[in-house]
N, C-alpha and C. Protein backbone atom coordinates (compact mmCIF):
# COMPACT_ATOMS: atom_id res chain seq x y z
N MET A 1 0.81 -0.93 0.07
CA MET A 1 -0.13 -0.15 -0.10
C MET A 1 0.87 1.45 0.08
N ALA A 2 1.72 1.55 -1.33
CA ALA A 2 2.27 2.35 -1.04
C ALA A 2 1.57 3.91 -1.39
N GLY A 3 2.08 4.59 -0.63
CA GLY A 3 1.27 6.22 -0.82
C GLY A 3 0.30 6.66 0.37
N LEU A 4 0.12 5.40 1.02
CA LEU A 4 -0.82 6.10 2.61
C LEU A 4 0.24 6.21 3.21
N ARG A 5 -0.46 7.17 3.97
CA ARG A 5 0.53 7.59 4.65
C ARG A 5 0.28 8.16 6.38
N THR A 6 0.31 7.80 7.68
CA THR A 6 -0.48 8.48 8.99
C THR A 6 -0.37 10.31 8.92
N GLN A 7 -1.52 10.65 8.89
CA GLN A 7 -1.47 11.64 9.35
C GLN A 7 -0.92 12.61 10.24
N LYS A 8 -0.44 13.33 10.62
CA LYS A 8 0.21 13.85 11.79
C LYS A 8 -0.87 14.21 13.04
N ARG A 9 -0.29 14.46 13.67
CA ARG A 9 -1.28 14.34 15.04
C ARG A 9 -2.07 15.39 15.05
N ARG A 10 -1.63 16.55 15.11
CA ARG A 10 -2.13 18.11 14.84
C ARG A 10 -2.69 18.54 13.89
N ARG A 11 -2.73 17.55 12.73
CA ARG A 11 -3.56 17.52 11.35
C ARG A 11 -4.91 17.13 11.59
N LYS A 12 -4.92 15.50 12.38
CA LYS A 12 -6.07 14.82 12.53
C LYS A 12 -6.66 15.06 14.23
N GLU A 13 -6.17 15.97 14.74
CA GLU A 13 -6.95 16.95 15.67
C GLU A 13 -7.44 18.48 15.51
N GLY A 14 -6.91 18.64 13.93
CA GLY A 14 -7.62 19.81 13.00
C GLY A 14 -7.27 20.74 14.03
N LYS A 15 -6.02 21.02 14.33
CA LYS A 15 -5.20 22.33 14.90
C LYS A 15 -4.74 22.58 14.14
N THR A 16 -3.98 22.14 13.25
CA THR A 16 -2.96 22.46 12.12
C THR A 16 -2.99 22.23 10.21
N ASP A 17 -2.73 23.77 9.89
CA ASP A 17 -3.03 23.31 7.98
C ASP A 17 -1.53 23.59 8.34
N TYR A 18 -0.90 22.20 7.54
CA TYR A 18 0.54 21.87 7.18
C TYR A 18 0.97 22.66 6.01
N LYS A 19 -0.18 22.96 5.35
CA LYS A 19 0.27 23.61 3.87
C LYS A 19 0.22 24.85 4.06
N LEU A 20 -0.63 25.46 4.99
CA LEU A 20 -0.44 26.73 5.07
C LEU A 20 0.07 27.56 5.83
N ARG A 21 0.87 26.82 7.04
CA ARG A 21 2.18 27.03 7.74
C ARG A 21 3.08 27.25 6.89
N LEU A 22 3.46 26.02 5.71
CA LEU A 22 4.70 26.43 5.19
C LEU A 22 4.85 27.29 4.61
N LYS A 23 3.27 27.65 4.11
CA LYS A 23 3.65 28.95 3.05
C LYS A 23 3.83 30.70 3.44
N LEU A 24 3.15 30.67 4.91
CA LEU A 24 3.38 31.83 6.32
C LEU A 24 4.84 31.35 6.78
N LEU A 25 5.33 30.38 6.56
CA LEU A 25 7.05 30.33 7.28
C LEU A 25 7.92 30.92 5.85
N LYS A 26 7.89 30.46 4.80
CA LYS A 26 8.08 30.97 3.71
C LYS A 26 8.17 32.02 3.22
N SER A 27 6.59 32.75 3.40
CA SER A 27 7.07 34.82 3.39
C SER A 27 7.78 35.25 4.48
N GLU A 28 8.67 34.66 5.16
CA GLU A 28 9.40 35.47 6.28
C GLU A 28 8.59 36.72 6.89
N MET A 29 7.17 37.02 7.33
CA MET A 29 7.13 37.86 7.09
C MET A 29 6.92 37.58 8.72
N SER A 30 6.33 39.20 9.38
CA SER A 30 6.10 38.85 10.65
C SER A 30 4.70 38.85 10.68
N ARG A 31 3.89 37.77 11.12
CA ARG A 31 2.99 37.76 11.48
C ARG A 31 1.91 37.96 12.57
N ILE A 32 0.47 38.39 11.96
CA ILE A 32 -0.47 38.50 13.38
C ILE A 32 -1.28 37.09 13.50
N VAL A 33 -1.38 36.81 14.32
CA VAL A 33 -2.00 35.74 14.91
C VAL A 33 -3.51 35.91 15.23
N VAL A 34 -4.94 35.35 14.71
CA VAL A 34 -5.94 36.15 15.33
C VAL A 34 -6.38 34.23 15.72
N ARG A 35 -6.81 34.25 16.83
CA ARG A 35 -7.51 33.20 17.51
C ARG A 35 -9.02 34.09 18.31
N ARG A 36 -9.94 33.19 18.29
CA ARG A 36 -11.04 33.38 19.29
C ARG A 36 -11.50 31.98 20.27
N THR A 37 -11.05 32.68 21.38
CA THR A 37 -11.71 31.78 22.42
C THR A 37 -13.17 31.64 22.98
N ASN A 38 -13.72 31.14 23.86
CA ASN A 38 -14.80 30.35 24.36
C ASN A 38 -14.97 32.09 24.33
N LYS A 39 -14.36 32.85 25.48
CA LYS A 39 -14.82 34.15 25.66
C LYS A 39 -14.14 35.62 24.92
N TYR A 40 -13.13 35.43 24.55
CA TYR A 40 -12.17 36.53 24.11
C TYR A 40 -11.39 36.37 22.55
N TYR A 41 -11.33 37.13 21.80
CA TYR A 41 -10.51 37.46 20.90
C TYR A 41 -8.78 37.52 21.72
N LEU A 42 -7.91 36.67 20.30
CA LEU A 42 -6.37 36.55 21.04
C LEU A 42 -5.52 37.32 20.09
N LEU A 43 -5.08 38.20 19.99
CA LEU A 43 -4.05 38.72 18.58
C LEU A 43 -2.63 38.57 19.25
N GLN A 44 -1.72 38.18 18.88
CA GLN A 44 -0.23 38.04 18.74
C GLN A 44 0.09 38.81 17.58
N ILE A 45 1.62 39.16 17.95
CA ILE A 45 2.50 38.99 16.80
C ILE A 45 3.75 38.20 16.92
N VAL A 46 3.93 37.00 15.39
CA VAL A 46 4.90 36.00 15.97
C VAL A 46 5.90 36.19 14.56
N GLU A 47 6.86 35.89 15.28
CA GLU A 47 7.76 35.87 14.13
C GLU A 47 8.42 34.38 14.37
N SER A 48 8.95 33.91 13.03
CA SER A 48 9.34 32.73 13.07
C SER A 48 10.80 32.55 12.52
N LYS A 49 11.61 31.91 13.25
CA LYS A 49 12.74 31.62 12.88
C LYS A 49 13.45 30.43 13.28
N GLU A 50 14.03 29.40 11.79
CA GLU A 50 14.17 27.88 11.52
C GLU A 50 12.78 27.20 12.06
N SER A 51 11.64 27.81 11.83
CA SER A 51 10.32 27.49 11.84
C SER A 51 9.81 27.12 14.01
N GLN A 52 11.08 27.98 14.55
CA GLN A 52 10.73 28.03 15.55
C GLN A 52 10.10 29.40 15.97
N ASP A 53 8.78 29.23 16.57
CA ASP A 53 7.68 30.83 16.73
C ASP A 53 7.87 31.46 18.11
N LYS A 54 8.15 32.95 17.66
CA LYS A 54 8.31 33.49 19.32
C LYS A 54 7.18 34.50 19.06
N VAL A 55 6.65 34.26 19.91
CA VAL A 55 5.79 35.99 20.46
C VAL A 55 6.43 37.00 21.19
N ILE A 56 6.40 37.94 19.71
CA ILE A 56 6.93 39.30 19.98
C ILE A 56 5.88 40.20 20.99
N LYS A 57 4.63 40.56 20.61
CA LYS A 57 3.36 41.47 21.41
C LYS A 57 2.10 40.44 21.68
N GLY A 58 1.19 40.62 22.01
CA GLY A 58 -0.15 39.80 22.53
C GLY A 58 -1.15 40.94 23.19
N ILE A 59 -2.05 40.55 22.86
CA ILE A 59 -3.13 41.43 23.58
C ILE A 59 -4.50 40.27 23.39
N THR A 60 -5.61 40.35 24.11
CA THR A 60 -6.77 39.89 24.06
C THR A 60 -8.12 40.86 24.44
N SER A 61 -9.26 40.44 23.87
CA SER A 61 -10.29 41.40 24.46
C SER A 61 -10.38 41.88 25.36
N LYS A 62 -9.95 41.16 26.34
CA LYS A 62 -9.99 41.43 27.77
C LYS A 62 -9.74 43.14 28.07
N GLU A 63 -8.78 43.09 27.35
CA GLU A 63 -7.82 44.56 27.55
C GLU A 63 -9.03 45.71 27.34
N LEU A 64 -10.12 45.27 26.61
CA LEU A 64 -11.04 46.37 26.88
C LEU A 64 -11.73 46.97 27.96
N ILE A 65 -11.17 45.71 28.45
CA ILE A 65 -12.32 46.21 29.99
C ILE A 65 -10.98 47.12 30.86
N ALA A 66 -9.83 47.23 30.67
CA ALA A 66 -8.89 48.37 31.30
C ALA A 66 -8.67 49.42 30.74
N GLN A 67 -9.13 49.38 29.45
CA GLN A 67 -9.32 50.82 28.60
C GLN A 67 -10.48 51.62 28.91
N GLY A 68 -11.39 51.06 29.54
CA GLY A 68 -12.35 51.98 29.97
C GLY A 68 -13.60 51.27 29.74
N LEU A 69 -14.09 49.57 29.13
CA LEU A 69 -15.12 49.30 28.69
C LEU A 69 -15.79 49.50 29.76
N ASP A 70 -16.98 49.48 30.28
CA ASP A 70 -18.28 49.77 31.12
C ASP A 70 -18.56 48.03 31.58
N LYS A 71 -18.19 47.47 32.37
CA LYS A 71 -18.11 45.98 32.60
C LYS A 71 -19.43 45.71 32.56
N LYS A 72 -20.23 46.62 33.02
CA LYS A 72 -22.02 46.18 32.96
C LYS A 72 -23.01 46.16 31.79
N HIS A 73 -22.09 46.71 30.68
CA HIS A 73 -22.45 46.97 29.74
C HIS A 73 -21.69 46.25 28.61
N THR A 74 -20.84 45.50 28.55
CA THR A 74 -19.56 44.70 27.58
C THR A 74 -20.66 44.07 26.82
N GLY A 75 -21.12 43.18 27.50
CA GLY A 75 -22.30 42.15 26.04
C GLY A 75 -20.65 41.26 25.98
N SER A 76 -20.74 40.41 25.40
CA SER A 76 -19.77 39.52 25.06
C SER A 76 -18.35 40.45 24.35
N LEU A 77 -17.23 39.49 24.68
CA LEU A 77 -16.28 40.65 24.57
C LEU A 77 -15.65 39.30 23.18
N LYS A 78 -16.34 39.01 22.30
CA LYS A 78 -16.01 38.18 21.41
C LYS A 78 -17.15 38.17 20.24
N SER A 79 -17.88 39.49 20.54
CA SER A 79 -18.86 39.71 19.22
C SER A 79 -17.93 40.86 18.41
N VAL A 80 -18.95 41.65 17.41
CA VAL A 80 -17.90 42.14 16.32
C VAL A 80 -17.74 43.41 16.68
N PRO A 81 -18.48 44.20 17.63
CA PRO A 81 -18.03 45.27 17.97
C PRO A 81 -16.57 45.55 18.60
N ALA A 82 -16.58 44.20 19.77
CA ALA A 82 -15.15 43.85 20.80
C ALA A 82 -14.31 43.59 19.59
N GLY A 83 -14.55 42.56 18.83
CA GLY A 83 -13.53 42.17 17.86
C GLY A 83 -12.66 43.54 16.93
N TYR A 84 -13.57 44.85 16.71
CA TYR A 84 -13.02 45.87 15.94
C TYR A 84 -12.63 46.09 16.90
N LEU A 85 -12.75 46.97 17.68
CA LEU A 85 -11.78 47.62 19.04
C LEU A 85 -10.19 46.65 19.36
N THR A 86 -10.99 45.46 19.49
CA THR A 86 -9.58 45.03 19.51
C THR A 86 -8.14 45.12 18.75
N GLY A 87 -9.04 45.28 17.56
CA GLY A 87 -8.16 44.86 16.37
C GLY A 87 -7.31 46.61 16.09
N LEU A 88 -8.48 47.65 16.58
CA LEU A 88 -7.62 48.99 16.55
C LEU A 88 -6.95 49.11 17.49
N LEU A 89 -6.97 48.45 18.91
CA LEU A 89 -6.06 49.00 20.11
C LEU A 89 -4.62 47.99 19.73
N PHE A 90 -4.90 46.93 19.06
CA PHE A 90 -3.65 46.47 18.79
C PHE A 90 -2.98 46.90 18.12
N ALA A 91 -3.40 47.42 16.42
CA ALA A 91 -2.81 48.59 15.66
C ALA A 91 -2.05 49.33 16.35
N LYS A 92 -2.69 50.34 17.54
CA LYS A 92 -1.74 51.27 18.46
C LYS A 92 -0.30 50.93 18.69
N GLN A 93 -0.16 49.60 18.80
CA GLN A 93 1.18 48.94 19.41
C GLN A 93 1.98 49.01 18.21
N LEU A 94 1.64 48.39 16.62
CA LEU A 94 2.44 48.20 15.92
C LEU A 94 3.30 48.70 15.07
N ASP A 95 4.42 48.62 14.78
CA ASP A 95 5.40 49.50 13.87
C ASP A 95 4.46 49.22 12.52
N LEU A 96 3.65 50.58 12.42
CA LEU A 96 3.39 50.83 11.15
C LEU A 96 3.99 50.78 9.59
N LYS A 97 4.91 50.75 9.80
CA LYS A 97 6.05 50.66 8.62
C LYS A 97 6.27 49.53 8.12
N GLN A 98 6.29 48.52 9.02
CA GLN A 98 5.99 46.99 8.51
C GLN A 98 5.65 46.17 7.94
N GLU A 99 5.32 45.51 7.23
CA GLU A 99 4.02 44.90 6.23
C GLU A 99 3.63 43.66 7.28
N TYR A 100 2.62 43.31 7.68
CA TYR A 100 2.23 42.18 8.06
C TYR A 100 1.28 41.30 7.13
N ILE A 101 1.44 39.58 7.81
CA ILE A 101 0.23 38.56 6.98
C ILE A 101 -0.53 38.04 8.65
N ILE A 102 -1.54 37.61 7.82
CA ILE A 102 -2.70 37.48 8.40
C ILE A 102 -2.92 35.96 8.77
N ASP A 103 -2.63 35.63 10.11
CA ASP A 103 -2.77 34.06 10.47
C ASP A 103 -3.68 33.74 10.87
N LEU A 104 -4.89 32.88 10.58
CA LEU A 104 -6.13 33.02 11.14
C LEU A 104 -6.45 31.39 11.56
N GLY A 105 -5.27 30.73 11.48
CA GLY A 105 -5.26 29.17 11.95
C GLY A 105 -6.54 28.11 11.07
N MET A 106 -7.25 27.81 11.76
CA MET A 106 -7.87 26.55 11.46
C MET A 106 -9.25 27.24 11.36
N THR A 107 -9.36 28.88 11.26
CA THR A 107 -10.67 29.29 11.22
C THR A 107 -11.51 29.69 10.09
N ARG A 108 -12.47 28.80 9.99
CA ARG A 108 -13.50 28.79 8.89
C ARG A 108 -13.34 30.05 8.33
N THR A 109 -13.26 30.57 6.93
CA THR A 109 -13.15 32.01 6.41
C THR A 109 -14.17 31.88 5.43
N ILE A 110 -15.09 32.59 5.71
CA ILE A 110 -16.28 33.08 5.46
C ILE A 110 -16.52 34.60 5.53
N SER A 111 -16.83 35.13 4.41
CA SER A 111 -17.12 36.48 3.97
C SER A 111 -18.02 37.30 5.18
N GLY A 112 -17.34 38.26 5.71
CA GLY A 112 -18.77 38.39 6.81
C GLY A 112 -18.38 37.88 8.31
N ASN A 113 -17.56 36.97 8.85
CA ASN A 113 -17.26 36.35 9.86
C ASN A 113 -16.86 37.44 10.75
N ARG A 114 -17.27 36.95 11.77
CA ARG A 114 -16.80 37.97 13.27
C ARG A 114 -14.97 38.25 12.86
N ILE A 115 -14.74 37.15 12.84
CA ILE A 115 -13.13 37.40 12.96
C ILE A 115 -12.52 38.18 12.02
N TYR A 116 -13.48 38.73 10.87
CA TYR A 116 -12.86 39.90 10.16
C TYR A 116 -13.42 40.92 10.52
N SER A 117 -13.75 41.44 11.98
CA SER A 117 -13.85 42.55 12.29
C SER A 117 -12.75 43.20 12.89
N VAL A 118 -12.06 42.47 13.38
CA VAL A 118 -10.79 42.28 14.45
C VAL A 118 -9.86 42.53 13.13
N LEU A 119 -9.65 42.28 11.91
CA LEU A 119 -8.91 42.48 10.87
C LEU A 119 -9.26 44.07 10.20
N LYS A 120 -10.42 44.05 9.94
CA LYS A 120 -10.80 45.39 10.05
C LYS A 120 -10.56 46.92 10.93
N GLY A 121 -10.61 46.44 12.20
CA GLY A 121 -9.89 47.27 13.30
C GLY A 121 -8.68 47.62 13.04
N LEU A 122 -7.28 46.37 12.69
CA LEU A 122 -6.23 46.65 12.43
C LEU A 122 -5.97 47.10 11.38
N VAL A 123 -6.99 47.24 10.27
CA VAL A 123 -6.59 47.66 9.66
C VAL A 123 -6.65 49.54 9.22
N ASP A 124 -7.87 49.54 10.27
CA ASP A 124 -8.62 51.21 10.64
C ASP A 124 -7.26 51.95 11.38
N GLY A 125 -6.91 51.10 11.91
CA GLY A 125 -5.83 51.18 13.32
C GLY A 125 -4.74 51.62 12.30
N GLY A 126 -4.28 51.31 11.13
CA GLY A 126 -3.23 51.75 10.01
C GLY A 126 -1.87 50.71 9.92
N ALA A 127 -2.68 49.04 10.44
CA ALA A 127 -1.72 48.40 10.18
C ALA A 127 -1.33 48.48 8.70
N ASN A 128 -0.26 47.93 8.29
CA ASN A 128 0.55 47.82 6.86
C ASN A 128 -0.20 46.36 6.28
N ILE A 129 -1.62 45.84 6.14
CA ILE A 129 -2.12 44.41 5.88
C ILE A 129 -2.66 44.72 4.45
N ARG A 130 -2.08 43.85 3.68
CA ARG A 130 -3.00 43.55 2.39
C ARG A 130 -4.41 42.30 2.68
N VAL A 131 -5.56 43.40 2.12
CA VAL A 131 -6.25 42.87 2.94
C VAL A 131 -7.75 42.82 1.78
N ASN A 132 -8.86 42.00 1.16
CA ASN A 132 -9.76 42.05 0.48
C ASN A 132 -11.16 42.81 1.40
N GLU A 133 -11.36 44.23 1.50
CA GLU A 133 -12.65 45.21 1.76
C GLU A 133 -13.52 44.43 1.58
N LYS A 134 -14.58 43.59 0.71
CA LYS A 134 -15.09 42.66 0.50
C LYS A 134 -15.60 41.83 1.60
N ILE A 135 -14.52 41.23 2.34
CA ILE A 135 -14.77 40.38 3.74
C ILE A 135 -15.00 40.61 4.68
N PHE A 136 -14.93 41.78 4.93
CA PHE A 136 -14.91 42.57 6.57
C PHE A 136 -16.89 42.51 7.20
N PRO A 137 -17.42 42.71 7.88
CA PRO A 137 -18.78 42.47 8.45
C PRO A 137 -19.24 43.81 7.86
N SER A 138 -20.63 44.22 7.74
CA SER A 138 -21.09 45.11 7.80
C SER A 138 -20.99 46.77 8.48
N GLN A 139 -21.01 47.48 8.05
CA GLN A 139 -21.04 48.76 9.11
C GLN A 139 -21.83 48.61 10.13
N GLU A 140 -22.76 48.36 10.28
CA GLU A 140 -23.73 48.41 10.76
C GLU A 140 -23.27 47.85 12.20
N ARG A 141 -22.91 46.06 11.65
CA ARG A 141 -22.53 45.06 13.02
C ARG A 141 -21.08 45.78 13.13
N ILE A 142 -20.34 46.30 12.77
CA ILE A 142 -18.99 46.59 13.49
C ILE A 142 -19.20 48.22 14.31
N ASP A 143 -20.72 48.95 14.03
CA ASP A 143 -21.14 49.90 15.11
C ASP A 143 -21.75 49.11 16.30
N GLY A 144 -22.06 48.58 15.72
CA GLY A 144 -23.02 47.73 17.11
C GLY A 144 -24.46 48.01 16.82
N SER A 145 -24.60 48.32 16.15
CA SER A 145 -26.21 48.71 15.68
C SER A 145 -27.14 47.56 15.93
N HIS A 146 -26.71 46.48 15.98
CA HIS A 146 -27.74 44.93 16.41
C HIS A 146 -27.23 44.64 17.93
N LEU A 147 -26.96 45.65 19.05
CA LEU A 147 -26.99 45.66 20.24
C LEU A 147 -28.05 46.62 20.45
N ASN A 148 -27.76 45.54 22.14
CA ASN A 148 -28.89 47.02 22.60
C ASN A 148 -28.62 48.47 23.28
N LYS A 149 -28.97 49.66 23.47
CA LYS A 149 -28.64 50.95 23.34
C LYS A 149 -27.47 50.89 24.44
N GLU A 150 -27.32 50.71 25.68
CA GLU A 150 -26.57 50.50 26.75
C GLU A 150 -25.19 50.05 25.93
N THR A 151 -25.36 49.10 25.39
CA THR A 151 -23.82 48.32 25.00
C THR A 151 -23.50 48.95 23.67
N LYS A 152 -24.13 49.46 23.08
CA LYS A 152 -23.59 50.25 21.79
C LYS A 152 -23.10 51.38 21.99
N GLU A 153 -23.80 52.01 23.31
CA GLU A 153 -23.33 53.49 23.42
C GLU A 153 -21.94 53.23 24.46
N ALA A 154 -21.41 52.23 24.47
CA ALA A 154 -20.30 52.00 25.62
C ALA A 154 -18.80 51.27 24.49
N PHE A 155 -19.81 51.38 23.59
CA PHE A 155 -18.77 50.48 22.30
C PHE A 155 -18.20 51.74 21.78
N ASN A 156 -19.29 52.83 21.47
CA ASN A 156 -18.94 54.20 20.40
C ASN A 156 -17.98 54.75 21.67
N LYS A 157 -17.99 54.55 22.80
CA LYS A 157 -16.81 55.84 23.68
C LYS A 157 -15.71 55.30 23.58
N LEU A 158 -16.12 53.37 23.39
CA LEU A 158 -14.54 53.27 23.85
C LEU A 158 -13.49 53.47 22.46
N LYS A 159 -14.37 53.39 21.32
CA LYS A 159 -14.21 53.58 20.29
C LYS A 159 -13.54 54.96 19.85
N GLU A 160 -13.70 55.90 20.61
CA GLU A 160 -13.56 57.43 20.78
C GLU A 160 -12.71 57.39 21.12
N LYS A 161 -11.99 56.78 22.30
CA LYS A 161 -11.33 56.80 23.20
C LYS A 161 -10.23 56.21 22.85
N ILE A 162 -10.40 55.18 22.02
CA ILE A 162 -9.19 54.56 21.16
C ILE A 162 -8.58 55.11 20.25
N SER A 163 -9.96 55.92 19.30
CA SER A 163 -9.13 56.73 17.97
C SER A 163 -8.09 57.52 18.22
N LYS A 164 -8.42 58.31 19.47
CA LYS A 164 -7.48 59.61 19.68
C LYS A 164 -6.18 59.69 19.91
């Protein structure tokens, strides 16, 4: 049975796409890793040297509370507006002259997906990322029009603070 190979453990578990990882490593660019957990967004700048990853900077959407987001009206810290604000906040910490590549891992890439709200925040914050604008969620979702009034106001207030 020539040609049959056992899959690598992380591929079987659905954690690593080795073809994509090889492309990312060959690019030799710093990458922004975006992950969504059960409660938060996680963003990291990762550099790879000889297939060894090194995290340079990182942030979670929990940082929005430290920035002044009202705890009573936060809603979910993995919502579309929270993702946008997390991306916007992280973009303020980046070297804006450097070009980055996005690593979404095994996330399903469907246009308008909430993970793309983070990308929209990064791009609006000035990060140098090549991206197709068609994949972003609608502006109404990013602004929080679908949320209750108090939550929408809390996110807009924080957006103004971060944008300054």
